[in-house]
Amino acid sequence: MPYVNKPRPYKKEYEQYDGTEKVKKKRAERNRARRIMEEAGKVRKGDGKDVHHNKALSKGGTHKDGLSVMDASENRSFKRNSKRQLVNETSTQEKKKSANSR
């Protein structure tokens, strides 16, 4: 815990990471995908669903690669133990894909 005896510098953190153009573009792409699915009537605000890119944006995917709707719990991160360490570095989605391709 680096900020035990001093306040956390939120403004500095924002300027160094969240305020960068690269992060803003990523967020805009995710928001655009959500808006596309809302207009199609597949999701709505507060429904606990995530819009899933079939090919992740971080791996060069676009909206043209396909969008689908998933539960938020399925679409996020990897399984972790009680100490918050990764249990497995293969996500649930990747396991399903490899099982289906066999």
C-alpha atoms as a PDB file:
ATOM      1  CA  MET A   1       0.000   0.000   0.000  1.00  0.00           C
ATOM      2  CA  PRO A   2       2.041   2.983  -1.206  1.00  0.00           C
ATOM      3  CA  TYR A   3      -0.194   5.767   0.134  1.00  0.00           C
ATOM      4  CA  VAL A   4      -0.474   4.780   3.786  1.00  0.00           C
ATOM      5  CA  ASN A   5       0.415   8.125   5.366  1.00  0.00           C
ATOM      6  CA  LYS A   6      -0.348  10.499   2.511  1.00  0.00           C
ATOM      7  CA  PRO A   7      -3.292  11.162   0.222  1.00  0.00           C
ATOM      8  CA  ARG A   8      -3.448   9.425  -3.141  1.00  0.00           C
ATOM      9  CA  PRO A   9      -2.527  11.792  -6.043  1.00  0.00           C
ATOM     10  CA  TYR A  10      -5.599  11.171  -8.220  1.00  0.00           C
ATOM     11  CA  LYS A  11      -4.908  14.144 -10.478  1.00  0.00           C
ATOM     12  CA  LYS A  12      -1.381  12.928 -11.223  1.00  0.00           C
ATOM     13  CA  GLU A  13      -2.631   9.387 -11.922  1.00  0.00           C
ATOM     14  CA  TYR A  14      -5.263  10.732 -14.306  1.00  0.00           C
ATOM     15  CA  GLU A  15      -2.730  12.842 -16.184  1.00  0.00           C
ATOM     16  CA  GLN A  16      -0.303   9.951 -16.513  1.00  0.00           C
ATOM     17  CA  TYR A  17      -2.750   7.254 -17.596  1.00  0.00           C
ATOM     18  CA  ASP A  18      -6.478   7.972 -17.821  1.00  0.00           C
ATOM     19  CA  GLY A  19      -6.058  11.329 -19.485  1.00  0.00           C
ATOM     20  CA  THR A  20      -3.928  10.034 -22.366  1.00  0.00           C
ATOM     21  CA  GLU A  21      -5.331   9.942 -25.897  1.00  0.00           C
ATOM     22  CA  LYS A  22      -4.705   6.201 -26.240  1.00  0.00           C
ATOM     23  CA  VAL A  23      -6.936   5.397 -23.251  1.00  0.00           C
ATOM     24  CA  LYS A  24      -9.627   7.841 -24.379  1.00  0.00           C
ATOM     25  CA  LYS A  25      -9.782   6.178 -27.819  1.00  0.00           C
ATOM     26  CA  LYS A  26     -10.136   2.705 -26.277  1.00  0.00           C
ATOM     27  CA  ARG A  27     -12.960   3.871 -24.051  1.00  0.00           C
ATOM     28  CA  ALA A  28     -14.695   5.564 -26.983  1.00  0.00           C
ATOM     29  CA  GLU A  29     -14.536   2.309 -28.979  1.00  0.00           C
ATOM     30  CA  ARG A  30     -16.099   0.351 -26.108  1.00  0.00           C
ATOM     31  CA  ASN A  31     -18.821   2.979 -25.680  1.00  0.00           C
ATOM     32  CA  ARG A  32     -19.525   2.921 -29.426  1.00  0.00           C
ATOM     33  CA  ALA A  33     -19.948  -0.868 -29.329  1.00  0.00           C
ATOM     34  CA  ARG A  34     -22.361  -0.598 -26.414  1.00  0.00           C
ATOM     35  CA  ARG A  35     -24.384   2.046 -28.255  1.00  0.00           C
ATOM     36  CA  ILE A  36     -24.609  -0.191 -31.351  1.00  0.00           C
ATOM     37  CA  MET A  37     -26.011  -3.047 -29.262  1.00  0.00           C
ATOM     38  CA  GLU A  38     -28.422  -0.722 -27.410  1.00  0.00           C
ATOM     39  CA  GLU A  39     -29.841   0.500 -30.724  1.00  0.00           C
ATOM     40  CA  ALA A  40     -30.272  -3.122 -31.793  1.00  0.00           C
ATOM     41  CA  GLY A  41     -32.262  -3.733 -28.583  1.00  0.00           C
ATOM     42  CA  LYS A  42     -29.915  -6.414 -27.257  1.00  0.00           C
ATOM     43  CA  VAL A  43     -28.750  -4.587 -24.107  1.00  0.00           C
ATOM     44  CA  ARG A  44     -29.938  -1.757 -21.951  1.00  0.00           C
ATOM     45  CA  LYS A  45     -28.472   0.306 -19.158  1.00  0.00           C
ATOM     46  CA  GLY A  46     -28.076  -1.511 -15.852  1.00  0.00           C
ATOM     47  CA  ASP A  47     -28.813  -5.020 -17.157  1.00  0.00           C
ATOM     48  CA  GLY A  48     -25.502  -6.508 -15.953  1.00  0.00           C
ATOM     49  CA  LYS A  49     -24.431  -7.411 -19.480  1.00  0.00           C
ATOM     50  CA  ASP A  50     -21.224  -6.589 -21.330  1.00  0.00           C
ATOM     51  CA  VAL A  51     -20.759  -6.121 -25.038  1.00  0.00           C
ATOM     52  CA  HIS A  52     -18.127  -8.626 -26.088  1.00  0.00           C
ATOM     53  CA  HIS A  53     -15.881  -8.143 -29.119  1.00  0.00           C
ATOM     54  CA  ASN A  54     -15.298 -11.495 -30.826  1.00  0.00           C
ATOM     55  CA  LYS A  55     -11.739 -10.365 -31.470  1.00  0.00           C
ATOM     56  CA  ALA A  56     -10.512  -8.233 -28.563  1.00  0.00           C
ATOM     57  CA  LEU A  57      -9.792  -4.570 -29.254  1.00  0.00           C
ATOM     58  CA  SER A  58      -6.455  -5.016 -27.496  1.00  0.00           C
ATOM     59  CA  LYS A  59      -5.562  -7.665 -30.067  1.00  0.00           C
ATOM     60  CA  GLY A  60      -6.454  -5.535 -33.077  1.00  0.00           C
ATOM     61  CA  GLY A  61     -10.162  -6.315 -33.288  1.00  0.00           C
ATOM     62  CA  THR A  62     -12.867  -3.976 -34.555  1.00  0.00           C
ATOM     63  CA  HIS A  63     -16.658  -3.862 -34.481  1.00  0.00           C
ATOM     64  CA  LYS A  64     -16.648  -5.524 -37.914  1.00  0.00           C
ATOM     65  CA  ASP A  65     -15.134  -8.658 -36.344  1.00  0.00           C
ATOM     66  CA  GLY A  66     -18.401  -9.117 -34.498  1.00  0.00           C
ATOM     67  CA  LEU A  67     -20.091  -8.156 -31.266  1.00  0.00           C
ATOM     68  CA  SER A  68     -22.062 -10.285 -28.857  1.00  0.00           C
ATOM     69  CA  VAL A  69     -23.696  -9.875 -25.455  1.00  0.00           C
ATOM     70  CA  MET A  70     -22.368 -11.684 -22.359  1.00  0.00           C
ATOM     71  CA  ASP A  71     -22.816 -11.604 -18.621  1.00  0.00           C
ATOM     72  CA  ALA A  72     -20.299  -9.230 -17.089  1.00  0.00           C
ATOM     73  CA  SER A  73     -18.893 -12.022 -14.926  1.00  0.00           C
ATOM     74  CA  GLU A  74     -18.054 -14.116 -18.001  1.00  0.00           C
ATOM     75  CA  ASN A  75     -16.446 -11.288 -19.939  1.00  0.00           C
ATOM     76  CA  ARG A  76     -14.018 -10.012 -17.328  1.00  0.00           C
ATOM     77  CA  SER A  77     -10.509 -11.058 -16.326  1.00  0.00           C
ATOM     78  CA  PHE A  78      -9.462 -14.496 -15.143  1.00  0.00           C
ATOM     79  CA  LYS A  79     -10.352 -16.667 -12.177  1.00  0.00           C
ATOM     80  CA  ARG A  80      -8.533 -15.721  -8.977  1.00  0.00           C
ATOM     81  CA  ASN A  81      -8.070 -17.343  -5.588  1.00  0.00           C
ATOM     82  CA  SER A  82      -8.800 -15.803  -2.176  1.00  0.00           C
ATOM     83  CA  LYS A  83      -5.434 -13.994  -2.280  1.00  0.00           C
ATOM     84  CA  ARG A  84      -6.420 -12.451  -5.643  1.00  0.00           C
ATOM     85  CA  GLN A  85      -3.716 -14.349  -7.500  1.00  0.00           C
ATOM     86  CA  LEU A  86      -4.437 -15.805 -10.918  1.00  0.00           C
ATOM     87  CA  VAL A  87      -5.664 -19.376 -10.736  1.00  0.00           C
ATOM     88  CA  ASN A  88      -5.384 -19.951 -14.450  1.00  0.00           C
ATOM     89  CA  GLU A  89      -4.096 -17.744 -17.240  1.00  0.00           C
ATOM     90  CA  THR A  90      -6.657 -19.065 -19.698  1.00  0.00           C
ATOM     91  CA  SER A  91      -9.954 -17.198 -19.589  1.00  0.00           C
ATOM     92  CA  THR A  92     -13.285 -18.999 -19.561  1.00  0.00           C
ATOM     93  CA  GLN A  93     -13.938 -17.806 -23.116  1.00  0.00           C
ATOM     94  CA  GLU A  94     -10.630 -19.192 -24.386  1.00  0.00           C
ATOM     95  CA  LYS A  95     -11.329 -22.553 -22.696  1.00  0.00           C
ATOM     96  CA  LYS A  96     -14.722 -22.747 -24.423  1.00  0.00           C
ATOM     97  CA  LYS A  97     -13.169 -21.888 -27.800  1.00  0.00           C
ATOM     98  CA  SER A  98     -10.484 -24.558 -27.471  1.00  0.00           C
ATOM     99  CA  ALA A  99     -13.055 -27.151 -26.336  1.00  0.00           C
ATOM    100  CA  ASN A 100     -15.313 -26.355 -29.314  1.00  0.00           C
ATOM    101  CA  SER A 101     -12.465 -26.538 -31.821  1.00  0.00           C
ATOM    102  CA  ARG A 102     -11.558 -30.113 -30.847  1.00  0.00           C
END
